Amino acid sequence: MRKFIVFGMLVVTAASLALMGFQCSSAEMTSAKLYIQRKEYQNAEAQLQKEVAKNPKNEEAWVLLGKIRYELKNYKGMKDAFVEAEKAGTKFKKETDGITLKTWGDLFNQGVEELNKAEDPAGFDKAIETYTLAIYIMPDSIANQQNLGLAYYRKGDYDNAIPPMTIALEKMKSLFAVRILSNIYLTRASDYRTKFTEKNRAVLEEVKNLENIRANIKAADVKYYIGEATSVNKETKGKGKAAQVVKETWTYSKYGLTITVEGELVKEVKYVKPFVPAIDSSDYRLSQKEYVKAIDVLKKGNDLFPEDAELSESLMNAYIGAELNDDARVLLNDRVKKYPNSKYDRYNLGVFLLKDNKYEASVNEFKAVLEIDPSFSSAVYNLAATYVNWGVAEQERLKKEKKEDDKSFQEKYRMALPYLEKVKADKPEDVQILELLGQVYANLGDADKANENYKKADEVRQKKN
């Protein structure tokens, strides 16, 4: 966790137990003053407590009681006595305000020292205790609240860090508070999302594999992704030894799924009933709530500090985490204009454009990312995917327009090749990439390269099966 350093402040105010001028006093007051002269503060305190119990409107008694408690380092008791003194009168208010300010300043600086030295929970607890007392002494000091929140934050006690940091944000408009609060919520959101993924890893992988089952893929890929069928029904043509299997129907009872296979290819995928995976989404919902809290804080921060690049980036990531993609898109467009060399912004914009089938614009963004960072593997993959999808879209368009002889779509496949080969180099046993490369080479008429990749894909499947 990042260690934030806080700074103290200089507060100079004299605190004195000089006695007030002579006046007629009760026995308790007289005794208290004698004890004070002899610095017998505990005895003096006892006499003054008797006095204020009998005469709660005695301002002088309350002031002396507060001063004695200051000497005894009972700062909470001091504050209580000064509050009662002010209820009785304001003759000594300037003096008591000065002592209160000095006490607060001493506690604040003590808390700073304790916080900067703290390395373990016990150390942070010291600072927390000091700042809590400082807040009691001077409740209106927002700096106290911020430092108390920081002490809890550095201790890892996020629940208790949130209230004082929220006060610092609302009343002091503190950039520091925005950073701490948003980090708390984003960390919690990420932790909940990780728990969700870990808890549901197997079923999420299952869902992902099912999404790969579609018409026109190789039948062998079905087994690669979801294993052997529960049952297989074969349709033959001819009789006896001359009979040939022309169609197979594979049933996966677990998924309510039937797959029609002809030759090596899947012809039809049909769910008899919708497959509902047993996913525990409780942690996911908690994650969403934390993202929303982060967004609330970061929006306030972004309004207060519109030129802070880190805040707007965190806000965009929170939008994406909360699946508020429209809001993320608006902010992202603004960020790309402001920070054209941010590879993450350019990458995210490229992904959004790809989802919108805006292939040329998407290509431009992914290329810009790779100019900034040639090793950005996700950009390499998505640039390849964009060219392939663009080629498929062009091929379909030409087919609909009855222009089968027009092979201009192949240029998009050629553009995809170097990036696909780079992805293959990083993931040499990724069946999807191998199959995709085979299909691209086949569309370009390079049978040798196509077969090479298909063969490699088959070898990988056999390893798994």
Protein backbone atom coordinates (compact mmCIF):
# COMPACT_ATOMS: atom_id res chain seq x y z
CA MET A 1 0.00 0.00 0.00
CA ARG A 2 1.30 3.47 -0.87
CA LYS A 3 2.58 5.27 2.24
CA PHE A 4 1.26 8.83 2.43
CA ILE A 5 3.30 11.30 4.47
CA VAL A 6 1.45 13.99 6.41
CA PHE A 7 2.82 17.23 7.76
CA GLY A 8 2.33 18.97 11.08
CA MET A 9 1.64 22.60 11.84
CA LEU A 10 2.99 25.27 14.15
CA VAL A 11 0.63 26.50 16.87
CA VAL A 12 2.07 28.77 19.57
CA THR A 13 -0.21 29.73 22.45
CA ALA A 14 0.72 30.12 26.11
CA ALA A 15 -1.10 27.96 28.63
CA SER A 16 -0.76 29.23 32.19
CA LEU A 17 -2.25 28.34 35.53
CA ALA A 18 -1.86 31.89 36.82
CA LEU A 19 -4.60 32.51 39.38
CA MET A 20 -7.32 35.08 38.81
CA GLY A 21 -7.44 38.23 40.86
CA PHE A 22 -8.58 38.11 44.48
CA GLN A 23 -12.30 37.89 45.08
CA CYS A 24 -14.53 36.44 47.73
CA SER A 25 -14.49 32.68 47.27
CA SER A 26 -16.05 29.61 48.72
CA ALA A 27 -14.07 27.23 50.88
CA GLU A 28 -13.70 24.88 47.89
CA MET A 29 -12.35 27.63 45.66
CA THR A 30 -9.93 28.82 48.33
CA SER A 31 -8.68 25.28 48.92
CA ALA A 32 -8.35 24.64 45.17
CA LYS A 33 -6.20 27.75 44.69
CA LEU A 34 -3.93 26.78 47.55
CA TYR A 35 -3.50 23.31 46.04
CA ILE A 36 -2.74 24.88 42.67
CA GLN A 37 -0.02 27.05 44.21
CA ARG A 38 1.54 23.86 45.64
CA LYS A 39 0.99 22.08 42.28
CA GLU A 40 -1.16 19.48 43.97
CA TYR A 41 -3.39 19.32 40.92
CA GLN A 42 -5.37 16.22 41.78
CA ASN A 43 -6.40 17.68 45.13
CA ALA A 44 -7.24 20.96 43.42
CA GLU A 45 -9.36 19.10 40.86
CA ALA A 46 -11.31 17.37 43.64
CA GLN A 47 -12.11 20.71 45.31
CA LEU A 48 -13.17 22.32 42.04
CA GLN A 49 -15.45 19.42 41.21
CA LYS A 50 -17.18 19.99 44.53
CA GLU A 51 -17.46 23.69 43.71
CA VAL A 52 -19.04 23.27 40.26
CA ALA A 53 -21.41 20.63 41.63
CA LYS A 54 -22.70 23.23 44.10
CA ASN A 55 -22.37 26.22 41.78
CA PRO A 56 -22.49 25.18 38.08
CA LYS A 57 -22.58 28.83 37.00
CA ASN A 58 -19.13 29.58 38.45
CA GLU A 59 -17.21 30.36 35.27
CA GLU A 60 -13.90 30.81 37.09
CA ALA A 61 -14.18 27.36 38.70
CA TRP A 62 -14.79 25.70 35.36
CA VAL A 63 -11.84 27.53 33.80
CA LEU A 64 -9.51 26.51 36.64
CA LEU A 65 -10.78 22.95 36.38
CA GLY A 66 -10.00 22.94 32.65
CA LYS A 67 -6.49 24.31 33.25
CA ILE A 68 -5.77 21.70 35.91
CA ARG A 69 -6.91 18.95 33.57
CA TYR A 70 -4.63 20.37 30.90
CA GLU A 71 -1.71 20.01 33.33
CA LEU A 72 -2.83 16.45 34.09
CA LYS A 73 -3.02 15.75 30.32
CA ASN A 74 -6.72 14.96 30.66
CA TYR A 75 -7.51 16.86 27.47
CA LYS A 76 -11.01 15.50 27.05
CA GLY A 77 -11.85 16.61 30.59
CA MET A 78 -10.25 19.99 29.86
CA LYS A 79 -12.48 20.46 26.83
CA ASP A 80 -15.58 19.50 28.82
CA ALA A 81 -14.70 22.03 31.54
CA PHE A 82 -14.13 24.85 29.04
CA VAL A 83 -17.46 24.12 27.35
CA GLU A 84 -19.19 24.44 30.74
CA ALA A 85 -17.25 27.64 31.46
CA GLU A 86 -18.56 29.20 28.26
CA LYS A 87 -22.09 28.28 29.26
CA ALA A 88 -21.56 30.20 32.50
CA GLY A 89 -19.97 33.26 30.86
CA THR A 90 -17.46 34.57 28.32
CA LYS A 91 -15.06 36.48 30.57
CA PHE A 92 -12.30 33.92 30.06
CA LYS A 93 -13.21 32.78 26.55
CA LYS A 94 -10.17 34.25 24.83
CA GLU A 95 -7.90 32.47 27.29
CA THR A 96 -9.68 29.13 27.06
CA ASP A 97 -9.80 29.33 23.26
CA GLY A 98 -6.03 29.84 23.23
CA ILE A 99 -5.42 26.82 25.46
CA THR A 100 -7.81 24.75 23.33
CA LEU A 101 -5.99 25.76 20.15
CA LYS A 102 -2.59 24.91 21.62
CA THR A 103 -3.85 21.55 22.85
CA TRP A 104 -5.30 20.75 19.45
CA GLY A 105 -2.09 21.77 17.69
CA ASP A 106 0.03 19.62 20.00
CA LEU A 107 -2.25 16.63 19.45
CA PHE A 108 -2.32 17.18 15.69
CA ASN A 109 1.46 17.24 15.47
CA GLN A 110 1.73 14.26 17.80
CA GLY A 111 -0.64 12.37 15.50
CA VAL A 112 1.44 13.33 12.45
CA GLU A 113 4.59 11.98 14.08
CA GLU A 114 2.87 8.77 15.16
CA LEU A 115 1.30 8.21 11.76
CA ASN A 116 4.52 8.75 9.84
CA LYS A 117 6.37 6.34 12.13
CA ALA A 118 3.65 3.68 12.21
CA GLU A 119 4.50 0.34 10.64
CA ASP A 120 2.04 -2.02 12.33
CA PRO A 121 -1.55 -1.96 13.68
CA ALA A 122 -0.40 -0.90 17.15
CA GLY A 123 1.41 2.09 15.66
CA PHE A 124 -1.60 3.14 13.62
CA ASP A 125 -3.83 2.73 16.67
CA LYS A 126 -1.73 5.31 18.52
CA ALA A 127 -2.25 7.83 15.73
CA ILE A 128 -5.95 6.98 15.55
CA GLU A 129 -6.36 7.56 19.29
CA THR A 130 -4.52 10.88 19.08
CA TYR A 131 -6.52 12.17 16.11
CA THR A 132 -9.80 11.03 17.67
CA LEU A 133 -8.94 13.09 20.73
CA ALA A 134 -7.89 16.05 18.57
CA ILE A 135 -11.29 15.93 16.87
CA TYR A 136 -12.98 15.99 20.27
CA ILE A 137 -10.93 19.04 21.23
CA MET A 138 -11.64 20.87 17.96
CA PRO A 139 -14.52 19.22 16.05
CA ASP A 140 -14.50 21.79 13.25
CA SER A 141 -10.96 20.97 12.10
CA ILE A 142 -11.33 19.04 8.83
CA ALA A 143 -7.59 18.38 8.72
CA ASN A 144 -8.11 16.16 11.78
CA GLN A 145 -10.77 14.18 9.93
CA GLN A 146 -8.58 13.68 6.90
CA ASN A 147 -5.60 12.48 8.92
CA LEU A 148 -7.80 10.21 11.03
CA GLY A 149 -9.15 8.70 7.82
CA LEU A 150 -5.60 8.24 6.54
CA ALA A 151 -4.55 6.48 9.74
CA TYR A 152 -7.43 4.02 9.40
CA TYR A 153 -6.66 3.62 5.68
CA ARG A 154 -3.02 2.81 6.23
CA LYS A 155 -4.01 0.37 8.94
CA GLY A 156 -6.25 -1.35 6.39
CA ASP A 157 -9.45 -0.55 8.30
CA TYR A 158 -11.43 0.77 5.35
CA ASP A 159 -14.80 0.77 7.11
CA ASN A 160 -13.61 3.31 9.68
CA ALA A 161 -11.56 5.27 7.14
CA ILE A 162 -14.61 6.10 5.02
CA PRO A 163 -16.60 8.43 7.39
CA PRO A 164 -13.78 10.90 8.20
CA MET A 165 -12.53 10.89 4.61
CA THR A 166 -16.06 11.59 3.40
CA ILE A 167 -16.22 14.59 5.73
CA ALA A 168 -12.88 15.81 4.34
CA LEU A 169 -14.21 15.49 0.80
CA GLU A 170 -17.54 17.17 1.47
CA LYS A 171 -16.29 20.03 3.65
CA MET A 172 -12.72 20.60 2.47
CA LYS A 173 -13.13 19.56 -1.20
CA SER A 174 -9.92 17.62 -0.71
CA LEU A 175 -8.22 16.01 -3.70
CA PHE A 176 -6.38 13.80 -1.23
CA ALA A 177 -9.71 12.56 0.17
CA VAL A 178 -11.00 11.85 -3.34
CA ARG A 179 -7.96 9.67 -4.05
CA ILE A 180 -8.19 7.74 -0.78
CA LEU A 181 -11.95 7.20 -0.89
CA SER A 182 -12.03 6.17 -4.54
CA ASN A 183 -9.12 3.82 -3.99
CA ILE A 184 -10.98 2.17 -1.10
CA TYR A 185 -14.08 1.59 -3.20
CA LEU A 186 -12.15 0.48 -6.29
CA THR A 187 -10.05 -1.93 -4.24
CA ARG A 188 -13.17 -3.41 -2.68
CA ALA A 189 -14.84 -3.68 -6.08
CA SER A 190 -11.81 -5.47 -7.51
CA ASP A 191 -11.60 -7.81 -4.53
CA TYR A 192 -15.26 -8.76 -4.82
CA ARG A 193 -14.88 -9.28 -8.58
CA THR A 194 -11.89 -11.55 -7.97
CA LYS A 195 -13.88 -13.55 -5.40
CA PHE A 196 -16.70 -13.91 -7.91
CA THR A 197 -14.32 -15.15 -10.59
CA GLU A 198 -12.53 -17.59 -8.29
CA LYS A 199 -15.77 -18.96 -6.84
CA ASN A 200 -17.29 -19.49 -10.29
CA ARG A 201 -14.15 -20.23 -12.30
CA ALA A 202 -15.25 -23.67 -13.50
CA VAL A 203 -18.76 -22.67 -14.55
CA LEU A 204 -17.55 -19.44 -16.19
CA GLU A 205 -15.08 -21.48 -18.23
CA GLU A 206 -17.95 -23.79 -19.15
CA VAL A 207 -20.07 -20.85 -20.31
CA LYS A 208 -17.14 -19.48 -22.33
CA ASN A 209 -16.65 -22.85 -24.01
CA LEU A 210 -20.34 -23.10 -24.86
CA GLU A 211 -20.17 -19.69 -26.52
CA ASN A 212 -17.61 -21.14 -28.93
CA ILE A 213 -20.07 -23.81 -30.11
CA ARG A 214 -21.67 -22.55 -33.32
CA ALA A 215 -22.44 -23.62 -36.85
CA ASN A 216 -19.58 -24.16 -39.33
CA ILE A 217 -16.89 -24.91 -36.74
CA LYS A 218 -15.15 -28.26 -36.84
CA ALA A 219 -16.94 -31.07 -35.05
CA ALA A 220 -13.65 -31.89 -33.35
CA ASP A 221 -13.73 -28.46 -31.71
CA VAL A 222 -17.02 -29.31 -30.01
CA LYS A 223 -15.34 -32.21 -28.21
CA TYR A 224 -12.34 -30.00 -27.48
CA TYR A 225 -14.51 -27.40 -25.75
CA ILE A 226 -17.22 -29.46 -24.02
CA GLY A 227 -16.12 -33.08 -24.27
CA GLU A 228 -17.93 -36.17 -25.51
CA ALA A 229 -21.68 -36.12 -26.12
CA THR A 230 -24.08 -37.88 -23.78
CA SER A 231 -25.45 -39.76 -26.78
CA VAL A 232 -24.87 -39.87 -30.54
CA ASN A 233 -27.52 -40.67 -33.13
CA LYS A 234 -26.15 -41.57 -36.56
CA GLU A 235 -28.08 -41.23 -39.81
CA THR A 236 -26.76 -43.46 -42.58
CA LYS A 237 -27.23 -43.74 -46.31
CA GLY A 238 -27.08 -47.08 -48.05
CA LYS A 239 -27.26 -50.59 -46.64
CA GLY A 240 -24.93 -53.15 -45.16
CA LYS A 241 -21.23 -52.60 -45.72
CA ALA A 242 -22.03 -49.85 -48.19
CA ALA A 243 -23.82 -47.79 -45.56
CA GLN A 244 -22.26 -44.40 -44.88
CA VAL A 245 -22.88 -41.97 -42.04
CA VAL A 246 -24.22 -38.76 -43.55
CA LYS A 247 -25.37 -37.00 -40.40
CA GLU A 248 -24.86 -37.27 -36.65
CA THR A 249 -26.90 -35.73 -33.86
CA TRP A 250 -24.91 -35.21 -30.68
CA THR A 251 -26.87 -34.71 -27.49
CA TYR A 252 -25.44 -33.01 -24.40
CA SER A 253 -28.10 -33.58 -21.76
CA LYS A 254 -26.35 -31.39 -19.18
CA TYR A 255 -26.79 -28.35 -21.39
CA GLY A 256 -30.07 -29.32 -23.10
CA LEU A 257 -28.03 -29.07 -26.30
CA THR A 258 -28.21 -30.94 -29.60
CA ILE A 259 -25.61 -30.52 -32.32
CA THR A 260 -26.03 -31.66 -35.90
CA VAL A 261 -22.80 -32.75 -37.57
CA GLU A 262 -22.26 -33.42 -41.26
CA GLY A 263 -18.83 -34.62 -42.23
CA GLU A 264 -16.25 -32.63 -40.26
CA LEU A 265 -18.43 -29.58 -39.70
CA VAL A 266 -21.19 -28.53 -37.32
CA LYS A 267 -24.33 -27.71 -39.27
CA GLU A 268 -26.75 -26.76 -36.52
CA VAL A 269 -26.64 -25.90 -32.81
CA LYS A 270 -29.90 -26.05 -30.90
CA TYR A 271 -30.82 -25.77 -27.23
CA VAL A 272 -33.87 -27.85 -26.33
CA LYS A 273 -34.22 -25.64 -23.28
CA PRO A 274 -32.17 -22.61 -22.22
CA PHE A 275 -29.05 -23.56 -20.31
CA VAL A 276 -28.93 -21.70 -17.00
CA PRO A 277 -25.48 -22.00 -15.41
CA ALA A 278 -25.31 -22.26 -11.63
CA ILE A 279 -23.46 -19.00 -11.02
CA ASP A 280 -23.29 -17.43 -7.57
CA SER A 281 -23.51 -13.72 -8.38
CA SER A 282 -23.53 -12.40 -4.80
CA ASP A 283 -19.94 -11.15 -4.93
CA TYR A 284 -20.51 -9.71 -8.39
CA ARG A 285 -23.43 -7.63 -7.11
CA LEU A 286 -21.32 -6.41 -4.19
CA SER A 287 -18.61 -5.47 -6.67
CA GLN A 288 -21.10 -3.43 -8.70
CA LYS A 289 -22.18 -1.53 -5.58
CA GLU A 290 -18.58 -0.62 -4.76
CA TYR A 291 -17.99 0.58 -8.32
CA VAL A 292 -21.06 2.82 -8.03
CA LYS A 293 -19.70 4.29 -4.78
CA ALA A 294 -16.35 4.91 -6.47
CA ILE A 295 -18.11 6.60 -9.37
CA ASP A 296 -19.97 8.94 -7.00
CA VAL A 297 -16.70 10.03 -5.37
CA LEU A 298 -14.77 10.29 -8.64
CA LYS A 299 -17.48 12.33 -10.34
CA LYS A 300 -17.27 14.86 -7.51
CA GLY A 301 -13.50 14.82 -7.81
CA ASN A 302 -13.61 15.19 -11.57
CA ASP A 303 -15.90 18.22 -11.22
CA LEU A 304 -13.58 19.79 -8.65
CA PHE A 305 -10.35 18.92 -10.48
CA PRO A 306 -11.24 18.57 -14.19
CA GLU A 307 -7.61 18.65 -15.32
CA ASP A 308 -6.51 15.76 -13.10
CA ALA A 309 -5.74 12.93 -15.55
CA GLU A 310 -5.50 10.27 -12.86
CA LEU A 311 -8.99 11.00 -11.53
CA SER A 312 -10.68 10.89 -14.93
CA GLU A 313 -8.86 7.65 -15.78
CA SER A 314 -10.05 6.08 -12.53
CA LEU A 315 -13.58 7.30 -13.25
CA MET A 316 -13.52 5.74 -16.71
CA ASN A 317 -12.28 2.42 -15.31
CA ALA A 318 -15.01 2.53 -12.66
CA TYR A 319 -17.63 3.11 -15.37
CA ILE A 320 -16.31 0.09 -17.27
CA GLY A 321 -16.23 -2.01 -14.10
CA ALA A 322 -19.84 -1.06 -13.37
CA GLU A 323 -20.76 -1.84 -17.00
CA LEU A 324 -21.88 1.74 -17.57
CA ASN A 325 -20.39 1.69 -21.03
CA ASP A 326 -22.26 4.70 -22.40
CA ASP A 327 -20.84 6.89 -19.63
CA ALA A 328 -17.41 5.37 -20.13
CA ARG A 329 -17.57 6.06 -23.85
CA VAL A 330 -18.38 9.75 -23.38
CA LEU A 331 -15.52 10.21 -20.94
CA LEU A 332 -13.19 8.11 -23.08
CA ASN A 333 -13.74 10.27 -26.16
CA ASP A 334 -12.83 13.31 -24.10
CA ARG A 335 -9.73 11.63 -22.66
CA VAL A 336 -8.41 10.54 -26.07
CA LYS A 337 -8.54 14.17 -27.17
CA LYS A 338 -6.78 15.36 -24.01
CA TYR A 339 -4.27 12.51 -23.72
CA PRO A 340 -3.59 11.13 -27.20
CA ASN A 341 -0.54 9.21 -25.96
CA SER A 342 -2.44 7.19 -23.37
CA LYS A 343 -2.25 3.63 -24.70
CA TYR A 344 -5.01 2.40 -22.41
CA ASP A 345 -7.43 5.09 -23.56
CA ARG A 346 -6.67 4.43 -27.22
CA TYR A 347 -7.01 0.68 -26.64
CA ASN A 348 -10.36 1.00 -24.86
CA LEU A 349 -11.67 3.26 -27.60
CA GLY A 350 -10.56 0.70 -30.18
CA VAL A 351 -12.50 -2.02 -28.36
CA PHE A 352 -15.66 0.11 -28.28
CA LEU A 353 -15.30 0.90 -31.99
CA LEU A 354 -14.80 -2.78 -32.81
CA LYS A 355 -18.02 -3.63 -30.95
CA ASP A 356 -19.75 -0.99 -33.08
CA ASN A 357 -18.33 -2.63 -36.26
CA LYS A 358 -16.48 0.61 -37.05
CA TYR A 359 -13.51 -1.31 -38.38
CA GLU A 360 -11.42 1.43 -39.93
CA ALA A 361 -11.63 3.66 -36.86
CA SER A 362 -10.89 0.67 -34.64
CA VAL A 363 -7.81 -0.23 -36.69
CA ASN A 364 -6.52 3.32 -36.34
CA GLU A 365 -6.82 3.18 -32.54
CA PHE A 366 -5.10 -0.20 -32.18
CA LYS A 367 -2.30 0.93 -34.51
CA ALA A 368 -1.86 4.05 -32.39
CA VAL A 369 -1.56 1.84 -29.30
CA LEU A 370 1.15 -0.27 -30.93
CA GLU A 371 3.06 2.85 -31.95
CA ILE A 372 3.11 3.80 -28.27
CA ASP A 373 3.82 0.28 -27.01
CA PRO A 374 4.64 -2.40 -29.63
CA SER A 375 4.50 -5.13 -26.95
CA PHE A 376 0.86 -4.46 -25.99
CA SER A 377 -0.37 -8.02 -26.70
CA SER A 378 -4.09 -7.31 -26.34
CA ALA A 379 -3.83 -4.58 -28.97
CA VAL A 380 -2.02 -6.99 -31.31
CA TYR A 381 -4.79 -9.57 -30.91
CA ASN A 382 -7.62 -7.07 -31.34
CA LEU A 383 -6.00 -5.48 -34.37
CA ALA A 384 -5.85 -8.94 -35.96
CA ALA A 385 -9.46 -9.59 -34.96
CA THR A 386 -10.56 -6.25 -36.41
CA TYR A 387 -8.99 -6.99 -39.80
CA VAL A 388 -10.52 -10.49 -39.86
CA ASN A 389 -13.99 -9.21 -38.92
CA TRP A 390 -13.64 -6.44 -41.48
CA GLY A 391 -12.72 -9.01 -44.13
CA VAL A 392 -15.69 -11.22 -43.21
CA ALA A 393 -18.05 -8.23 -43.34
CA GLU A 394 -16.72 -7.22 -46.77
CA GLN A 395 -16.97 -10.80 -48.02
CA GLU A 396 -20.60 -11.02 -46.89
CA ARG A 397 -21.42 -7.66 -48.46
CA LEU A 398 -19.95 -8.67 -51.82
CA LYS A 399 -21.81 -11.96 -51.68
CA LYS A 400 -25.13 -10.18 -51.10
CA GLU A 401 -24.34 -7.84 -54.00
CA LYS A 402 -23.71 -10.88 -56.26
CA LYS A 403 -20.05 -9.90 -56.68
CA GLU A 404 -18.50 -13.30 -55.96
CA ASP A 405 -15.63 -12.58 -58.35
CA ASP A 406 -14.60 -9.50 -56.38
CA LYS A 407 -11.75 -10.58 -54.09
CA SER A 408 -11.00 -7.15 -52.63
CA PHE A 409 -11.96 -8.47 -49.18
CA GLN A 410 -8.79 -10.56 -49.19
CA GLU A 411 -6.71 -7.46 -48.54
CA LYS A 412 -8.17 -7.27 -45.04
CA TYR A 413 -7.16 -10.88 -44.40
CA ARG A 414 -3.63 -10.14 -45.62
CA MET A 415 -3.45 -7.21 -43.23
CA ALA A 416 -4.48 -9.52 -40.37
CA LEU A 417 -1.79 -12.15 -41.03
CA PRO A 418 1.30 -10.56 -39.40
CA TYR A 419 -0.66 -9.81 -36.25
CA LEU A 420 -2.20 -13.28 -36.13
CA GLU A 421 1.24 -14.83 -36.55
CA LYS A 422 2.50 -12.69 -33.68
CA VAL A 423 -0.36 -13.89 -31.46
CA LYS A 424 0.41 -17.47 -32.50
CA ALA A 425 4.05 -16.99 -31.49
CA ASP A 426 2.89 -15.96 -28.02
CA LYS A 427 0.21 -18.68 -27.79
CA PRO A 428 1.41 -21.56 -29.98
CA GLU A 429 -1.22 -23.99 -28.67
CA ASP A 430 -4.29 -21.78 -28.84
CA VAL A 431 -6.74 -23.79 -30.94
CA GLN A 432 -8.86 -20.77 -31.81
CA ILE A 433 -5.88 -18.85 -33.16
CA LEU A 434 -4.63 -21.86 -35.11
CA GLU A 435 -8.06 -22.45 -36.65
CA LEU A 436 -8.46 -18.77 -37.45
CA LEU A 437 -5.07 -18.67 -39.13
CA GLY A 438 -6.01 -21.75 -41.12
CA GLN A 439 -9.23 -20.10 -42.29
CA VAL A 440 -7.47 -16.87 -43.24
CA TYR A 441 -4.80 -18.68 -45.24
CA ALA A 442 -7.51 -20.79 -46.89
CA ASN A 443 -9.39 -17.64 -47.94
CA LEU A 444 -6.15 -16.33 -49.40
CA GLY A 445 -5.62 -19.55 -51.36
CA ASP A 446 -2.54 -20.69 -49.42
CA ALA A 447 -3.47 -24.34 -48.87
CA ASP A 448 -0.09 -25.34 -47.42
CA LYS A 449 -0.19 -22.73 -44.68
CA ALA A 450 -3.85 -23.44 -44.01
CA ASN A 451 -3.23 -27.17 -43.60
CA GLU A 452 -0.19 -26.52 -41.43
CA ASN A 453 -2.30 -24.59 -38.93
CA TYR A 454 -5.24 -27.00 -39.10
CA LYS A 455 -2.86 -29.90 -38.44
CA LYS A 456 -1.34 -28.11 -35.45
CA ALA A 457 -4.83 -27.42 -34.08
CA ASP A 458 -5.70 -31.12 -34.38
CA GLU A 459 -2.52 -32.05 -32.50
CA VAL A 460 -3.45 -29.71 -29.65
CA ARG A 461 -6.95 -31.18 -29.50
CA GLN A 462 -5.56 -34.70 -29.33
CA LYS A 463 -3.34 -33.72 -26.40
CA LYS A 464 -6.39 -32.57 -24.46
CA ASN A 465 -8.57 -35.52 -25.41
